Protein backbone atom coordinates (compact mmCIF):
# COMPACT_ATOMS: atom_id res chain seq x y z
CA MET A 1 -65.38 33.17 54.85
CA ASN A 2 -67.75 33.56 52.39
CA VAL A 3 -66.82 30.16 50.24
CA ASP A 4 -69.23 30.99 47.42
CA GLU A 5 -67.16 34.08 46.53
CA LEU A 6 -63.74 32.39 46.29
CA VAL A 7 -62.60 30.94 43.05
CA ALA A 8 -59.81 28.69 44.96
CA ILE A 9 -58.31 27.53 47.93
CA ASP A 10 -54.51 27.05 48.21
CA ILE A 11 -54.14 24.04 50.73
CA HIS A 12 -50.44 24.53 51.15
CA THR A 13 -48.79 28.00 52.09
CA HIS A 14 -45.91 28.73 54.83
CA ALA A 15 -45.75 31.40 57.28
CA GLU A 16 -42.20 32.55 57.46
CA VAL A 17 -42.20 36.18 59.03
CA SER A 18 -43.34 36.76 62.53
CA VAL A 19 -44.28 40.36 63.53
CA ARG A 20 -43.46 39.61 67.29
CA ILE A 21 -40.27 37.86 67.24
CA ALA A 22 -36.85 38.34 65.48
CA PRO A 23 -35.72 35.78 62.73
CA ASP A 24 -33.43 33.14 63.90
CA GLU A 25 -29.90 34.11 62.43
CA ALA A 26 -28.79 30.69 62.17
CA ALA A 27 -31.14 29.79 59.55
CA ALA A 28 -29.38 31.93 56.90
CA GLU A 29 -27.69 29.37 55.32
CA SER A 30 -30.59 27.33 55.09
CA LEU A 31 -32.72 29.98 53.49
CA GLU A 32 -30.08 30.87 51.00
CA ALA A 33 -30.00 27.14 50.22
CA ARG A 34 -33.88 27.13 49.61
CA GLY A 35 -33.68 30.15 47.55
CA ARG A 36 -31.23 28.43 45.15
CA TYR A 37 -33.09 25.21 44.81
CA PHE A 38 -36.65 26.89 44.28
CA ARG A 39 -34.98 29.94 42.27
CA TYR A 40 -36.75 32.66 44.01
CA ALA A 41 -35.76 35.88 46.04
CA VAL A 42 -35.82 34.89 49.77
CA GLN A 43 -38.25 37.66 50.67
CA HIS A 44 -41.09 36.74 52.54
CA PRO A 45 -44.20 38.33 53.41
CA THR A 46 -46.17 38.47 56.56
CA ILE A 47 -49.61 36.43 57.04
CA ALA A 48 -51.48 39.76 56.85
CA GLN A 49 -49.55 40.62 53.42
CA MET A 50 -50.27 36.98 52.57
CA ALA A 51 -54.15 37.70 53.06
CA ALA A 52 -54.11 40.98 50.86
CA TYR A 53 -52.44 39.06 48.05
CA TYR A 54 -55.12 36.18 48.19
CA ARG A 55 -57.90 38.33 49.05
CA GLY A 56 -57.33 40.42 45.89
CA ARG A 57 -57.39 37.44 43.88
CA LYS A 58 -60.62 36.00 45.57
CA MET A 59 -58.84 32.89 46.87
CA GLY A 60 -58.45 31.35 50.32
CA PHE A 61 -55.31 29.85 51.86
CA VAL A 62 -54.37 27.51 54.39
CA VAL A 63 -51.54 28.65 56.50
CA PHE A 64 -48.75 26.97 58.93
CA THR A 65 -45.66 26.92 60.09
CA VAL A 66 -43.23 23.88 60.61
CA ASP A 67 -41.99 23.06 63.93
CA ARG A 68 -38.11 22.53 63.11
CA GLU A 69 -36.48 23.36 66.45
CA ARG A 70 -35.56 19.69 67.43
CA GLY A 71 -35.07 18.69 63.99
CA MET A 72 -33.07 21.28 62.64
CA GLY A 73 -31.62 23.02 65.44
CA LEU A 74 -33.29 26.09 64.64
CA ARG A 75 -36.02 28.22 66.12
CA ASN A 76 -39.30 28.28 64.50
CA ASN A 77 -40.21 31.36 62.55
CA ILE A 78 -43.50 32.13 64.01
CA SER A 79 -45.38 30.31 66.60
CA ASN A 80 -48.61 28.50 66.23
CA GLU A 81 -50.42 31.08 68.24
CA GLU A 82 -49.46 33.89 66.18
CA VAL A 83 -50.25 31.90 63.00
CA ALA A 84 -53.76 31.40 64.28
CA GLU A 85 -54.28 34.62 65.58
CA LEU A 86 -53.11 36.31 62.58
CA ALA A 87 -55.36 34.14 60.37
CA ALA A 88 -58.30 34.73 62.48
CA GLU A 89 -57.88 38.58 61.94
CA ASN A 90 -58.13 37.47 58.10
CA SER A 91 -60.64 34.86 58.46
CA ASP A 92 -62.47 35.63 55.39
CA VAL A 93 -59.15 34.19 53.40
CA ALA A 94 -57.24 32.49 55.82
CA ILE A 95 -57.18 29.20 57.64
CA PRO A 96 -54.91 28.22 60.26
CA PHE A 97 -53.10 25.06 60.56
CA ALA A 98 -50.59 24.07 63.33
CA SER A 99 -47.12 22.32 63.41
CA ILE A 100 -46.10 20.20 66.32
CA ASP A 101 -42.94 17.70 66.26
CA PRO A 102 -44.41 14.36 67.31
CA ALA A 103 -41.32 13.93 69.70
CA ARG A 104 -42.79 16.52 71.79
CA GLY A 105 -44.65 13.65 73.11
CA LYS A 106 -47.15 14.37 76.26
CA MET A 107 -46.51 18.10 75.71
CA GLY A 108 -47.24 18.09 72.05
CA VAL A 109 -50.50 16.16 72.95
CA ARG A 110 -51.22 18.97 75.20
CA GLU A 111 -50.39 21.82 72.92
CA ALA A 112 -52.36 20.12 70.08
CA ARG A 113 -55.55 19.99 72.31
CA ARG A 114 -55.07 23.47 73.61
CA LEU A 115 -54.39 24.70 69.87
CA ILE A 116 -57.76 22.96 68.84
CA LYS A 117 -59.84 24.40 71.71
CA ASP A 118 -58.40 27.89 72.36
CA PHE A 119 -57.01 28.90 69.09
CA GLY A 120 -59.41 27.03 66.59
CA VAL A 121 -56.88 25.61 64.37
CA LYS A 122 -58.19 23.71 61.72
CA GLY A 123 -55.85 20.98 60.79
CA PHE A 124 -52.00 19.94 61.50
CA LYS A 125 -48.66 20.15 59.13
CA PHE A 126 -45.81 17.32 59.46
CA HIS A 127 -42.69 17.34 58.06
CA PRO A 128 -41.24 13.97 58.43
CA THR A 129 -37.86 14.90 56.95
CA VAL A 130 -37.46 18.15 58.95
CA GLN A 131 -38.80 16.35 62.08
CA ALA A 132 -36.73 13.17 61.46
CA PHE A 133 -39.59 10.61 62.24
CA PHE A 134 -41.33 8.07 60.27
CA PRO A 135 -45.12 8.93 60.38
CA ASP A 136 -46.03 5.40 60.87
CA ASP A 137 -43.99 5.27 64.21
CA HIS A 138 -46.35 4.40 67.07
CA ASP A 139 -44.74 7.17 69.27
CA ALA A 140 -46.60 9.80 66.95
CA TYR A 141 -50.09 8.08 67.61
CA PRO A 142 -51.10 9.89 70.62
CA LEU A 143 -50.95 13.04 68.38
CA TYR A 144 -52.72 11.73 65.98
CA GLU A 145 -55.51 10.46 68.27
CA VAL A 146 -55.94 13.91 69.27
CA ILE A 147 -56.30 15.12 65.76
CA ALA A 148 -58.73 12.34 64.61
CA GLU A 149 -60.87 12.98 67.68
CA ALA A 150 -61.29 16.48 66.57
CA GLY A 151 -62.19 15.33 62.86
CA LEU A 152 -59.17 17.52 61.39
CA PRO A 153 -56.95 16.65 58.73
CA ALA A 154 -53.22 15.93 58.94
CA LEU A 155 -50.81 17.44 56.25
CA PHE A 156 -47.81 15.49 55.72
CA HIS A 157 -44.83 16.62 53.36
CA THR A 158 -43.81 13.83 51.06
CA GLY A 159 -41.09 13.38 48.70
CA GLN A 160 -38.10 15.40 47.90
CA THR A 161 -37.56 18.44 49.72
CA GLY A 162 -35.83 22.04 48.96
CA ILE A 163 -34.88 22.13 52.47
CA GLY A 164 -31.10 21.56 52.98
CA ALA A 165 -30.85 21.07 49.22
CA GLY A 166 -27.25 21.57 47.87
CA MET A 167 -26.00 21.98 51.70
CA PRO A 168 -22.97 19.66 52.87
CA GLY A 169 -24.96 16.33 53.64
CA GLY A 170 -28.25 17.93 52.74
CA GLY A 171 -27.98 19.80 55.82
CA GLY A 172 -28.07 16.56 57.80
CA LEU A 173 -31.86 15.65 56.57
CA ARG A 174 -32.91 12.45 55.45
CA LEU A 175 -35.25 12.02 52.60
CA LYS A 176 -36.10 8.31 53.44
CA TYR A 177 -38.68 9.76 56.49
CA SER A 178 -40.80 11.23 53.69
CA ASN A 179 -41.76 8.17 51.58
CA PRO A 180 -45.40 8.25 51.52
CA ILE A 181 -45.93 4.47 52.20
CA TYR A 182 -45.26 5.22 55.66
CA LEU A 183 -48.71 6.73 55.83
CA ASP A 184 -50.42 3.47 54.50
CA ASP A 185 -50.30 2.56 58.06
CA VAL A 186 -51.22 5.62 59.52
CA ALA A 187 -54.35 5.47 57.18
CA ALA A 188 -55.51 2.09 58.18
CA ASP A 189 -55.20 2.69 61.62
CA PHE A 190 -56.80 6.47 61.67
CA PRO A 191 -59.45 5.76 59.00
CA ASP A 192 -61.65 8.80 60.14
CA MET A 193 -58.52 11.15 60.16
CA PRO A 194 -58.04 12.91 56.62
CA ILE A 195 -54.62 12.67 55.27
CA ILE A 196 -53.27 15.39 52.86
CA LEU A 197 -50.00 13.88 51.14
CA ALA A 198 -48.32 17.19 50.17
CA HIS A 199 -46.53 17.60 47.01
CA PRO A 200 -45.88 15.23 44.02
CA SER A 201 -44.11 12.46 46.06
CA VAL A 202 -40.77 12.43 43.79
CA PRO A 203 -39.21 9.83 43.80
CA TRP A 204 -41.93 7.98 45.20
CA GLN A 205 -45.18 9.20 43.31
CA ASP A 206 -46.61 5.68 42.18
CA GLU A 207 -46.68 5.04 46.32
CA ALA A 208 -48.62 7.94 46.67
CA LEU A 209 -51.13 7.27 44.08
CA ALA A 210 -51.45 3.73 45.58
CA VAL A 211 -51.94 4.68 49.14
CA ALA A 212 -54.51 7.67 48.01
CA THR A 213 -56.53 5.18 45.88
CA HIS A 214 -56.77 2.28 48.13
CA LYS A 215 -57.32 4.87 51.53
CA PRO A 216 -60.50 6.87 51.11
CA ASN A 217 -59.25 9.29 53.89
CA VAL A 218 -56.13 9.92 51.90
CA TYR A 219 -55.70 13.02 49.61
CA ILE A 220 -52.76 14.60 47.31
CA ASP A 221 -51.98 18.06 47.26
CA LEU A 222 -50.29 19.61 44.10
CA SER A 223 -48.02 21.99 45.86
CA GLY A 224 -44.29 22.51 45.91
CA TRP A 225 -43.52 21.88 42.19
CA SER A 226 -44.44 23.74 39.12
CA PRO A 227 -47.23 21.86 37.23
CA LYS A 228 -45.21 21.75 34.08
CA TYR A 229 -43.01 19.42 35.99
CA PHE A 230 -45.90 16.92 37.27
CA PRO A 231 -45.40 13.48 36.72
CA PRO A 232 -47.76 11.78 33.83
CA GLN A 233 -49.20 9.53 36.25
CA LEU A 234 -50.32 12.32 38.50
CA VAL A 235 -52.05 14.09 35.86
CA HIS A 236 -53.67 11.03 34.64
CA TYR A 237 -55.20 10.06 38.18
CA ALA A 238 -56.07 13.59 38.91
CA ASN A 239 -58.07 13.48 35.78
CA THR A 240 -59.69 10.17 36.40
CA LEU A 241 -59.72 7.86 39.72
CA LEU A 242 -58.46 10.69 42.26
CA LYS A 243 -60.30 13.46 40.68
CA HIS A 244 -62.36 14.20 44.04
CA LYS A 245 -59.07 13.76 46.29
CA VAL A 246 -56.53 16.10 44.59
CA LEU A 247 -55.90 19.68 46.18
CA PHE A 248 -54.78 22.74 44.67
CA GLY A 249 -51.67 23.83 46.58
CA THR A 250 -48.68 25.84 45.71
CA ASP A 251 -45.92 25.85 48.80
CA ASN A 252 -46.13 29.82 48.78
CA PRO A 253 -44.05 31.74 49.08
CA VAL A 254 -41.42 29.37 47.39
CA ILE A 255 -43.98 29.09 44.47
CA SER A 256 -46.35 31.77 44.11
CA PRO A 257 -50.05 31.29 42.97
CA ASP A 258 -49.56 33.39 39.65
CA ARG A 259 -46.41 31.17 38.62
CA TRP A 260 -48.52 27.82 39.49
CA LEU A 261 -51.88 28.64 37.78
CA GLU A 262 -49.95 29.80 34.68
CA ASP A 263 -48.51 26.36 34.22
CA PHE A 264 -51.82 24.58 35.53
CA GLU A 265 -53.49 26.21 32.97
CA LYS A 266 -51.21 24.32 30.23
CA LEU A 267 -52.05 20.99 31.74
CA PRO A 268 -54.65 18.65 29.92
CA ILE A 269 -57.01 18.57 33.05
CA LYS A 270 -60.56 18.11 31.88
CA ALA A 271 -62.83 21.00 32.10
CA GLU A 272 -65.04 19.28 34.95
CA VAL A 273 -62.22 18.19 37.11
CA ARG A 274 -60.30 21.86 37.52
CA PRO A 275 -63.16 23.37 40.10
CA LEU A 276 -62.80 20.07 41.89
CA ILE A 277 -59.16 20.65 42.04
CA MET A 278 -58.98 24.08 42.74
CA LYS A 279 -61.90 24.51 45.38
CA GLU A 280 -64.54 21.83 45.59
CA ASN A 281 -62.32 19.00 47.07
CA ALA A 282 -60.85 21.40 49.83
CA VAL A 283 -64.38 22.84 50.38
CA LYS A 284 -65.41 19.39 51.52
CA LEU A 285 -62.44 18.25 53.10
CA LEU A 286 -62.06 21.26 55.48
CA LYS A 287 -65.83 21.20 56.15
CA LEU A 288 -66.21 24.77 54.86
CA LYS A 289 -69.86 26.24 54.24
CA GLY A 290 -71.02 28.52 51.63
CA GLY A 291 -71.98 32.22 53.06
CA ALA A 292 -70.21 34.67 55.34
């Protein structure tokens, strides 16, 4: 990856399509509900197609799946191994993260070590609502220890989610797990593990800002919402106290970079802050280097 040639790095994208396994038909209702929530056509690209899209825009992107098997009873869309291998084939723009449900216990710890060592994953994605766990549950700590030992970031969904939205009972998913305040303990107990709070954390935006301001290892990504809906306090902090800790992210494919960037241009973000959010903060966080 030649970082110097990139204009931006999207820290938050989802691999939704495998080229090796068939989709789980049981996921159709959830996908339809997500399409209604985000108002987009549920037609997902492969990682190779995503790479071509970002390459054409001179952008890098972090890509991952979500380990949803226990929490939702649905087969994972794509394996961590496939994500890593396809990202490696497009390493000029793609950066692979892995996703492991902490409830996998010791096997999850083994998997994390293997994915780091053998597949070169560069971080881990957690979705507390989908995976039905509080991030500060000490049962998850052995998994965090592996991530921290490797010096890799952990990205956590926070706030509202479009997954299950509008389905009876919200698809059985509970929003309480994704209050960012539960990551305050994690940040205190793992000060060397970078933590990314994904999304404007509605309805807990103030909690997210407090944790990110107080804990040096906590960052915020701006994915999952069109910038025109960002809470005013988030825009203010991005321009000031957190200008070195806020990251460009889209939640692609549910929100396309083109749409996100069009709305972001209209925000009152300072000229000197825009390049920090769009690329420079991610370069530092992910320990990327200039040149090929």
